[in-house]
Amino acid sequence: MPIRYTFVSDQQGTKIVNSAMKRIFFIILVMLISCAAFAQAPYQKSWVVVLDAGHGGKDPGAVGKRSHEKDIALNIVLKTGEYIQKHFKDVEIVYTRSTDRFVELYRRAEIANQANADLFISVHCNANSRTSPNGTEVFVMGLNKTEANLQVAIKENNSVLLEDDHTENYDGIDPNSSEAYITFSLYTNMHLDLSLLMAQKTMEAFNTHVKRADRGIKQAPFFVLYKTTMPSILIETAFISNYEDETYLMSAEGQNSMAYSIYKAFVEYRNSVDGSNYQPMQMGNASQSTGSSSSSGTSASAEDIVFKVQFASFKEIFSADDPRFSGMTDVHYVKDGSYFKYMCGTNASYSKAKEELTKAQSNGYKDAFLVAYQNGKRISVSEARRISGQ
């Protein structure tokens, strides 16, 4: 086949060269702008937060006159996780337990380490042989201990006695021997500064929203903290052995305030670590998202609707595991004057709420009825169904 040659004039050649140069210049300009934008944009990494509800299953933790530590801690942790997940789309929440089950203390640290967590938060209730002590405390891992701090650690560490092979899992440390805690000197808290920062943010939020007595930020040798490889804190929310503290911890309002405070502390902690400027949501509205600057009012309102079964009113408080509540789920109360109105079966689904109503009536509460809430505020059931399209 004969070879063909194409000849162009000088003017055409100049146009081709100019066009090519313009394209090359445009590509270089786009690359420079992209690099400049990337360099100026703050780096926002994704986060992993491990939420640890103390005790569980065969280990009730501290036992009050009307409640168990394991139940209160789990409720607060789940509410905290809900707040964080609604606010941040780039934060993964890992629960060491999300139900009433027993998890060994060493396993909780393993869960956090295997998840490559950025923060570990363990939630507990305090207790004392006397009924007068009250208020909140936040602990970080450390050996700068007083006798009082050590007793708190011993109380929480005693859970290991319910574990198999606990002597192997904790380097032979006897949780009841103060002398044995010298072993903890082998484990230096490499993240003490950041742990203290989160502890400080938590206590500040408690003082603003919980308003129990501030017992301070302390160091003590907790088994659940000493092998974590990230900033870690242990929260003693309040004293289950104190009547007023226990009443507060058992209430929906108290648990929500605790959870919101921990969430708010995390927002401010992340701002300090990341150099970001997130603003916390308002308490009680865990469906607002900062993922976008605007949201649909209709869908947000629908997400905030819940149906409950109100089944009884008492002048005294009973534990959620009281035999009279057998077979019911999510039992809680709302104070109304001198009475405590008991509810159960919180559901976003109206049909599921009706199933819970039937269950309550079959348990002997013939006068039980459905109620509805939006953002924690009581509204009529018909209005709730209209808003949620049910």
Protein backbone atom coordinates (compact mmCIF):
# COMPACT_ATOMS: atom_id res chain seq x y z
CA MET A 1 0.00 0.00 0.00
CA PRO A 2 1.45 3.41 -0.92
CA ILE A 3 2.34 5.74 1.96
CA ARG A 4 0.43 8.99 2.07
CA TYR A 5 1.91 12.19 3.47
CA THR A 6 -0.15 15.13 4.66
CA PHE A 7 1.41 18.56 4.41
CA VAL A 8 0.17 21.58 6.30
CA SER A 9 0.90 25.21 5.81
CA ASP A 10 2.94 27.26 8.27
CA GLN A 11 -0.24 28.99 9.39
CA GLN A 12 -2.03 25.69 10.03
CA GLY A 13 0.98 24.34 11.89
CA THR A 14 1.05 27.38 14.11
CA LYS A 15 -2.65 26.88 14.96
CA ILE A 16 -2.07 23.22 15.86
CA VAL A 17 0.87 24.08 18.11
CA ASN A 18 -1.07 26.90 19.79
CA SER A 19 -4.05 24.63 20.39
CA ALA A 20 -1.83 21.94 21.93
CA MET A 21 -0.08 24.48 24.13
CA LYS A 22 -3.41 25.82 25.34
CA ARG A 23 -4.53 22.31 26.30
CA ILE A 24 -1.27 21.62 28.13
CA PHE A 25 -1.53 24.97 29.95
CA PHE A 26 -5.14 24.23 30.94
CA ILE A 27 -4.22 20.80 32.31
CA ILE A 28 -1.33 22.26 34.33
CA LEU A 29 -3.59 25.04 35.67
CA VAL A 30 -6.23 22.55 36.80
CA MET A 31 -3.57 20.43 38.52
CA LEU A 32 -2.15 23.47 40.32
CA ILE A 33 -5.59 24.60 41.49
CA SER A 34 -6.43 21.08 42.69
CA CYS A 35 -3.16 20.78 44.59
CA ALA A 36 -3.66 24.20 46.18
CA ALA A 37 -7.20 23.33 47.24
CA PHE A 38 -6.04 20.00 48.68
CA ALA A 39 -3.24 21.71 50.59
CA GLN A 40 -5.60 24.32 52.05
CA ALA A 41 -8.45 21.95 52.93
CA PRO A 42 -8.21 20.66 56.52
CA TYR A 43 -7.69 16.93 56.76
CA GLN A 44 -10.77 15.33 58.29
CA LYS A 45 -10.15 11.72 59.19
CA SER A 46 -12.82 9.22 60.02
CA TRP A 47 -13.13 8.20 63.67
CA VAL A 48 -13.80 5.00 65.58
CA VAL A 49 -15.27 5.41 69.07
CA VAL A 50 -15.75 2.42 71.36
CA LEU A 51 -18.56 2.76 73.91
CA ASP A 52 -18.35 0.34 76.80
CA ALA A 53 -21.34 -0.29 79.08
CA GLY A 54 -19.95 -1.60 82.35
CA HIS A 55 -20.81 -5.09 83.65
CA GLY A 56 -23.72 -7.04 82.11
CA GLY A 57 -25.26 -10.50 82.10
CA LYS A 58 -24.32 -12.47 85.22
CA ASP A 59 -22.45 -9.41 86.51
CA PRO A 60 -24.99 -6.81 87.71
CA GLY A 61 -22.32 -4.38 88.87
CA ALA A 62 -23.36 -2.16 91.75
CA VAL A 63 -26.85 -2.92 93.03
CA GLY A 64 -29.04 -0.10 94.29
CA LYS A 65 -32.28 -0.43 96.18
CA ARG A 66 -34.26 -0.14 92.95
CA SER A 67 -31.83 -0.67 90.08
CA HIS A 68 -28.72 -2.38 88.73
CA GLU A 69 -25.62 -0.65 87.41
CA LYS A 70 -25.49 -2.84 84.29
CA ASP A 71 -28.93 -1.64 83.08
CA ILE A 72 -28.32 2.05 83.64
CA ALA A 73 -24.87 1.94 82.01
CA LEU A 74 -26.25 0.19 78.93
CA ASN A 75 -29.09 2.69 78.50
CA ILE A 76 -26.71 5.65 78.73
CA VAL A 77 -24.21 4.09 76.31
CA LEU A 78 -26.88 3.32 73.68
CA LYS A 79 -28.25 6.86 73.91
CA THR A 80 -24.73 8.27 73.61
CA GLY A 81 -24.10 6.20 70.50
CA GLU A 82 -27.36 7.43 68.99
CA TYR A 83 -26.37 11.07 69.51
CA ILE A 84 -22.93 10.59 67.96
CA GLN A 85 -24.18 8.59 64.98
CA LYS A 86 -26.92 11.10 64.19
CA HIS A 87 -24.40 13.95 64.27
CA PHE A 88 -21.40 12.44 62.50
CA LYS A 89 -21.50 10.38 59.32
CA ASP A 90 -17.76 9.66 59.52
CA VAL A 91 -17.73 8.20 63.05
CA GLU A 92 -18.05 4.45 63.54
CA ILE A 93 -19.49 3.44 66.90
CA VAL A 94 -18.38 0.09 68.31
CA TYR A 95 -20.21 -1.26 71.37
CA THR A 96 -18.49 -3.74 73.64
CA ARG A 97 -22.03 -4.89 74.39
CA SER A 98 -25.40 -3.67 73.15
CA THR A 99 -27.48 -6.15 75.13
CA ASP A 100 -27.51 -7.57 78.65
CA ARG A 101 -24.60 -9.99 78.32
CA PHE A 102 -21.36 -10.65 80.17
CA VAL A 103 -18.14 -9.44 78.52
CA GLU A 104 -14.77 -10.00 80.20
CA LEU A 105 -12.81 -6.85 81.04
CA TYR A 106 -9.76 -7.89 79.01
CA ARG A 107 -12.04 -8.62 76.04
CA ARG A 108 -13.40 -5.06 76.13
CA ALA A 109 -9.87 -3.70 75.67
CA GLU A 110 -9.30 -6.24 72.88
CA ILE A 111 -12.43 -5.06 71.07
CA ALA A 112 -11.17 -1.46 71.18
CA ASN A 113 -7.64 -2.38 70.07
CA GLN A 114 -8.83 -4.61 67.22
CA ALA A 115 -11.12 -1.84 65.99
CA ASN A 116 -8.14 0.58 65.92
CA ALA A 117 -10.29 2.90 68.00
CA ASP A 118 -9.50 6.58 68.43
CA LEU A 119 -11.30 6.83 71.77
CA PHE A 120 -12.56 4.42 74.45
CA ILE A 121 -15.34 5.46 76.85
CA SER A 122 -16.42 3.14 79.66
CA VAL A 123 -19.63 4.03 81.53
CA HIS A 124 -20.43 2.92 85.08
CA CYS A 125 -22.38 3.82 88.22
CA ASN A 126 -20.61 4.44 91.50
CA ALA A 127 -21.55 2.92 94.87
CA ASN A 128 -20.55 3.22 98.49
CA SER A 129 -21.33 1.40 101.71
CA ARG A 130 -22.67 4.71 102.99
CA THR A 131 -25.67 6.39 101.36
CA SER A 132 -24.44 9.99 101.61
CA PRO A 133 -21.72 10.07 98.88
CA ASN A 134 -23.08 11.43 95.61
CA GLY A 135 -22.00 13.03 92.34
CA THR A 136 -20.00 12.30 89.21
CA GLU A 137 -16.37 11.30 88.70
CA VAL A 138 -14.28 10.76 85.58
CA PHE A 139 -11.20 8.52 85.71
CA VAL A 140 -8.18 7.98 83.52
CA MET A 141 -5.71 5.13 83.83
CA GLY A 142 -2.91 5.90 86.28
CA LEU A 143 -1.05 5.10 89.47
CA ASN A 144 -1.42 8.50 91.12
CA LYS A 145 -3.98 6.99 93.44
CA THR A 146 -5.49 7.73 96.83
CA GLU A 147 -7.09 5.03 98.95
CA ALA A 148 -10.54 6.24 97.85
CA ASN A 149 -9.61 6.03 94.17
CA LEU A 150 -8.17 2.57 94.67
CA GLN A 151 -11.39 1.35 96.29
CA VAL A 152 -13.39 2.53 93.26
CA ALA A 153 -11.00 0.60 90.98
CA ILE A 154 -11.18 -2.51 93.17
CA LYS A 155 -14.99 -2.38 93.03
CA GLU A 156 -15.02 -2.27 89.22
CA ASN A 157 -12.13 -4.74 88.85
CA ASN A 158 -13.89 -7.37 90.95
CA SER A 159 -15.82 -8.33 87.82
CA VAL A 160 -12.79 -10.38 86.76
CA LEU A 161 -13.56 -12.89 89.51
CA LEU A 162 -16.55 -13.96 87.39
CA GLU A 163 -14.25 -14.80 84.47
CA ASP A 164 -12.55 -18.07 83.66
CA ASP A 165 -8.72 -18.01 83.83
CA HIS A 166 -8.69 -14.45 85.17
CA THR A 167 -5.21 -14.92 86.66
CA GLU A 168 -3.79 -15.51 83.17
CA ASN A 169 -5.68 -12.63 81.53
CA TYR A 170 -4.53 -10.03 84.07
CA ASP A 171 -0.92 -11.03 84.68
CA GLY A 172 -1.71 -12.69 87.99
CA ILE A 173 -3.00 -9.47 89.60
CA ASP A 174 -5.34 -10.04 92.53
CA PRO A 175 -8.08 -7.37 92.15
CA ASN A 176 -8.52 -7.22 95.93
CA SER A 177 -4.82 -6.68 96.74
CA SER A 178 -3.62 -3.09 96.78
CA GLU A 179 0.01 -4.28 96.74
CA ALA A 180 -0.57 -6.29 93.56
CA TYR A 181 -1.38 -3.13 91.61
CA ILE A 182 2.35 -2.39 91.36
CA THR A 183 2.18 -4.48 88.17
CA PHE A 184 0.36 -1.58 86.57
CA SER A 185 3.63 0.36 86.60
CA LEU A 186 4.64 -1.78 83.62
CA TYR A 187 1.86 -0.24 81.56
CA THR A 188 2.55 3.43 80.96
CA ASN A 189 -0.43 5.47 79.79
CA MET A 190 0.98 6.81 76.52
CA HIS A 191 -2.22 8.75 75.87
CA LEU A 192 -2.57 10.40 79.26
CA ASP A 193 -2.76 13.97 77.93
CA LEU A 194 -5.57 13.19 75.49
CA SER A 195 -7.34 11.01 78.06
CA LEU A 196 -7.27 13.92 80.49
CA LEU A 197 -8.57 16.24 77.78
CA MET A 198 -11.60 14.01 77.16
CA ALA A 199 -12.13 13.65 80.91
CA GLN A 200 -12.08 17.44 81.29
CA LYS A 201 -14.58 17.96 78.47
CA THR A 202 -16.85 15.31 80.00
CA MET A 203 -16.84 16.85 83.45
CA GLU A 204 -17.50 20.31 82.01
CA ALA A 205 -20.52 18.96 80.14
CA PHE A 206 -21.77 17.17 83.28
CA ASN A 207 -21.54 20.41 85.24
CA THR A 208 -23.61 22.19 82.59
CA HIS A 209 -26.27 19.58 81.82
CA VAL A 210 -26.30 16.97 84.60
CA LYS A 211 -25.57 19.27 87.55
CA ARG A 212 -24.74 16.57 90.07
CA ALA A 213 -21.91 17.10 92.53
CA ASP A 214 -18.54 17.43 90.76
CA ARG A 215 -16.17 14.93 92.42
CA GLY A 216 -13.37 15.68 89.99
CA ILE A 217 -11.10 14.01 87.45
CA LYS A 218 -8.93 11.26 88.92
CA GLN A 219 -6.43 8.52 88.14
CA ALA A 220 -6.85 4.90 89.23
CA PRO A 221 -5.76 1.42 88.04
CA PHE A 222 -8.73 -0.02 86.14
CA PHE A 223 -8.38 -3.39 84.41
CA VAL A 224 -10.66 -2.25 81.58
CA LEU A 225 -8.32 0.63 80.75
CA TYR A 226 -4.81 -0.59 81.33
CA LYS A 227 -4.34 -2.45 78.02
CA THR A 228 -6.20 -0.08 75.73
CA THR A 229 -3.96 1.52 73.09
CA MET A 230 -5.86 4.78 72.65
CA PRO A 231 -7.08 7.69 74.81
CA SER A 232 -9.49 6.16 77.34
CA ILE A 233 -11.71 7.30 80.17
CA LEU A 234 -13.97 5.61 82.71
CA ILE A 235 -17.06 7.53 83.84
CA GLU A 236 -18.73 6.98 87.20
CA THR A 237 -22.03 8.67 86.34
CA ALA A 238 -23.42 8.97 89.88
CA PHE A 239 -23.93 6.91 93.06
CA ILE A 240 -26.49 4.17 92.77
CA SER A 241 -26.23 3.83 96.56
CA ASN A 242 -27.56 7.40 97.04
CA TYR A 243 -31.35 7.74 96.79
CA GLU A 244 -31.38 11.03 94.84
CA ASP A 245 -28.58 9.96 92.50
CA GLU A 246 -30.25 6.59 91.88
CA THR A 247 -33.58 8.27 91.15
CA TYR A 248 -31.86 10.54 88.65
CA LEU A 249 -30.00 7.66 86.99
CA MET A 250 -33.18 5.62 86.64
CA SER A 251 -35.10 8.44 84.98
CA ALA A 252 -35.30 8.91 81.21
CA GLU A 253 -34.36 12.56 81.72
CA GLY A 254 -31.27 11.69 83.74
CA GLN A 255 -30.04 9.05 81.30
CA ASN A 256 -30.59 11.39 78.36
CA SER A 257 -28.69 14.22 80.09
CA MET A 258 -25.80 11.89 80.85
CA ALA A 259 -25.69 10.61 77.26
CA TYR A 260 -25.93 14.10 75.80
CA SER A 261 -23.09 15.31 78.03
CA ILE A 262 -20.79 12.50 76.86
CA TYR A 263 -21.73 13.20 73.24
CA LYS A 264 -21.10 16.94 73.68
CA ALA A 265 -17.75 16.21 75.32
CA PHE A 266 -16.80 14.10 72.30
CA VAL A 267 -17.74 16.92 69.90
CA GLU A 268 -15.50 19.36 71.77
CA TYR A 269 -12.73 16.78 72.14
CA ARG A 270 -12.79 16.11 68.40
CA ASN A 271 -12.67 19.85 67.69
CA SER A 272 -9.53 20.09 69.84
CA VAL A 273 -7.84 17.08 68.23
CA ASP A 274 -8.87 17.70 64.61
CA GLY A 275 -8.87 21.48 64.64
CA SER A 276 -12.47 21.30 63.43
CA ASN A 277 -15.39 23.49 64.50
CA TYR A 278 -18.41 21.22 64.93
CA GLN A 279 -21.34 22.58 66.93
CA PRO A 280 -23.24 20.17 69.21
CA MET A 281 -26.89 19.43 68.52
CA GLN A 282 -29.47 20.55 71.01
CA MET A 283 -30.27 18.06 73.75
CA GLY A 284 -33.18 15.81 72.97
CA ASN A 285 -32.89 16.14 69.20
CA ALA A 286 -30.68 13.27 68.15
CA SER A 287 -31.94 13.26 64.57
CA GLN A 288 -30.35 16.52 63.43
CA SER A 289 -27.35 15.88 61.17
CA THR A 290 -24.42 18.13 60.37
CA GLY A 291 -23.74 16.12 57.24
CA SER A 292 -25.42 18.83 55.15
CA SER A 293 -26.32 22.46 55.64
CA SER A 294 -30.03 21.83 55.12
CA SER A 295 -32.47 19.00 55.69
CA SER A 296 -36.05 18.12 54.91
CA GLY A 297 -38.31 19.20 57.71
CA THR A 298 -40.80 16.43 57.00
CA SER A 299 -38.33 13.52 57.14
CA ALA A 300 -36.54 14.90 60.21
CA SER A 301 -39.86 15.24 62.07
CA ALA A 302 -40.88 11.70 61.14
CA GLU A 303 -37.63 10.30 62.53
CA ASP A 304 -38.27 12.08 65.84
CA ILE A 305 -41.65 10.39 66.42
CA VAL A 306 -41.88 7.48 68.86
CA PHE A 307 -44.84 5.57 70.25
CA LYS A 308 -44.91 4.12 73.75
CA VAL A 309 -47.27 2.16 75.98
CA GLN A 310 -48.27 3.89 79.21
CA PHE A 311 -49.43 1.12 81.48
CA ALA A 312 -49.30 2.27 85.12
CA SER A 313 -48.78 5.11 87.58
CA PHE A 314 -47.15 4.68 90.97
CA LYS A 315 -46.16 6.97 93.81
CA GLU A 316 -42.85 5.14 94.16
CA ILE A 317 -40.07 4.00 91.84
CA PHE A 318 -39.53 0.36 90.93
CA SER A 319 -36.60 -1.30 89.17
CA ALA A 320 -37.08 -2.16 85.49
CA ASP A 321 -36.50 -5.83 86.36
CA ASP A 322 -39.23 -5.84 89.04
CA PRO A 323 -41.40 -9.00 88.65
CA ARG A 324 -44.48 -6.87 87.97
CA PHE A 325 -42.83 -5.76 84.68
CA SER A 326 -42.00 -9.29 83.52
CA GLY A 327 -42.16 -9.73 79.76
CA MET A 328 -42.05 -5.99 79.03
CA THR A 329 -39.25 -4.21 77.16
CA ASP A 330 -37.68 -0.79 77.70
CA VAL A 331 -39.52 -0.12 80.96
CA HIS A 332 -39.02 3.46 82.16
CA TYR A 333 -40.97 6.22 83.84
CA VAL A 334 -41.73 9.91 83.57
CA LYS A 335 -42.35 11.95 86.73
CA ASP A 336 -45.68 13.80 86.70
CA GLY A 337 -46.36 15.68 89.90
CA SER A 338 -46.22 13.23 92.77
CA TYR A 339 -46.68 10.22 90.47
CA PHE A 340 -44.32 8.20 88.27
CA LYS A 341 -45.94 7.23 84.98
CA TYR A 342 -44.51 3.94 83.72
CA MET A 343 -44.09 3.22 80.04
CA CYS A 344 -42.64 0.46 77.88
CA GLY A 345 -42.05 -0.61 74.30
CA THR A 346 -40.60 2.50 72.64
CA ASN A 347 -41.13 2.15 68.88
CA ALA A 348 -41.00 4.31 65.78
CA SER A 349 -43.54 1.93 64.25
CA TYR A 350 -47.19 2.41 65.19
CA SER A 351 -48.07 -1.22 64.38
CA LYS A 352 -45.27 -2.53 66.62
CA ALA A 353 -46.40 -0.18 69.38
CA LYS A 354 -49.88 -1.73 69.16
CA GLU A 355 -48.31 -5.16 69.59
CA GLU A 356 -46.59 -3.91 72.76
CA LEU A 357 -49.95 -2.55 73.94
CA THR A 358 -51.56 -5.97 73.50
CA LYS A 359 -48.69 -7.57 75.41
CA ALA A 360 -49.05 -5.10 78.32
CA GLN A 361 -52.80 -5.69 78.48
CA SER A 362 -52.27 -9.45 78.51
CA ASN A 363 -49.86 -8.96 81.44
CA GLY A 364 -52.72 -7.58 83.51
CA TYR A 365 -52.54 -3.88 82.67
CA LYS A 366 -55.99 -3.71 81.08
CA ASP A 367 -56.09 0.10 81.13
CA ALA A 368 -52.80 0.52 79.24
CA PHE A 369 -52.89 2.88 76.27
CA LEU A 370 -50.63 4.33 73.58
CA VAL A 371 -48.87 7.68 73.87
CA ALA A 372 -46.61 9.49 71.40
CA TYR A 373 -43.63 11.83 71.63
CA GLN A 374 -41.82 14.11 69.20
CA ASN A 375 -38.31 15.21 70.24
CA GLY A 376 -39.18 14.16 73.79
CA LYS A 377 -42.37 16.26 73.86
CA ARG A 378 -45.74 14.56 74.33
CA ILE A 379 -48.12 14.92 71.37
CA SER A 380 -51.35 13.18 70.44
CA VAL A 381 -51.17 9.74 68.84
CA SER A 382 -53.23 10.96 65.87
CA GLU A 383 -50.79 13.83 65.28
CA ALA A 384 -47.83 11.45 65.52
CA ARG A 385 -49.39 9.14 62.96
CA ARG A 386 -50.06 12.05 60.61
CA ILE A 387 -46.47 13.34 60.82
CA SER A 388 -44.93 9.88 60.42
CA GLY A 389 -47.32 8.84 57.67
CA GLN A 390 -48.68 5.90 59.66
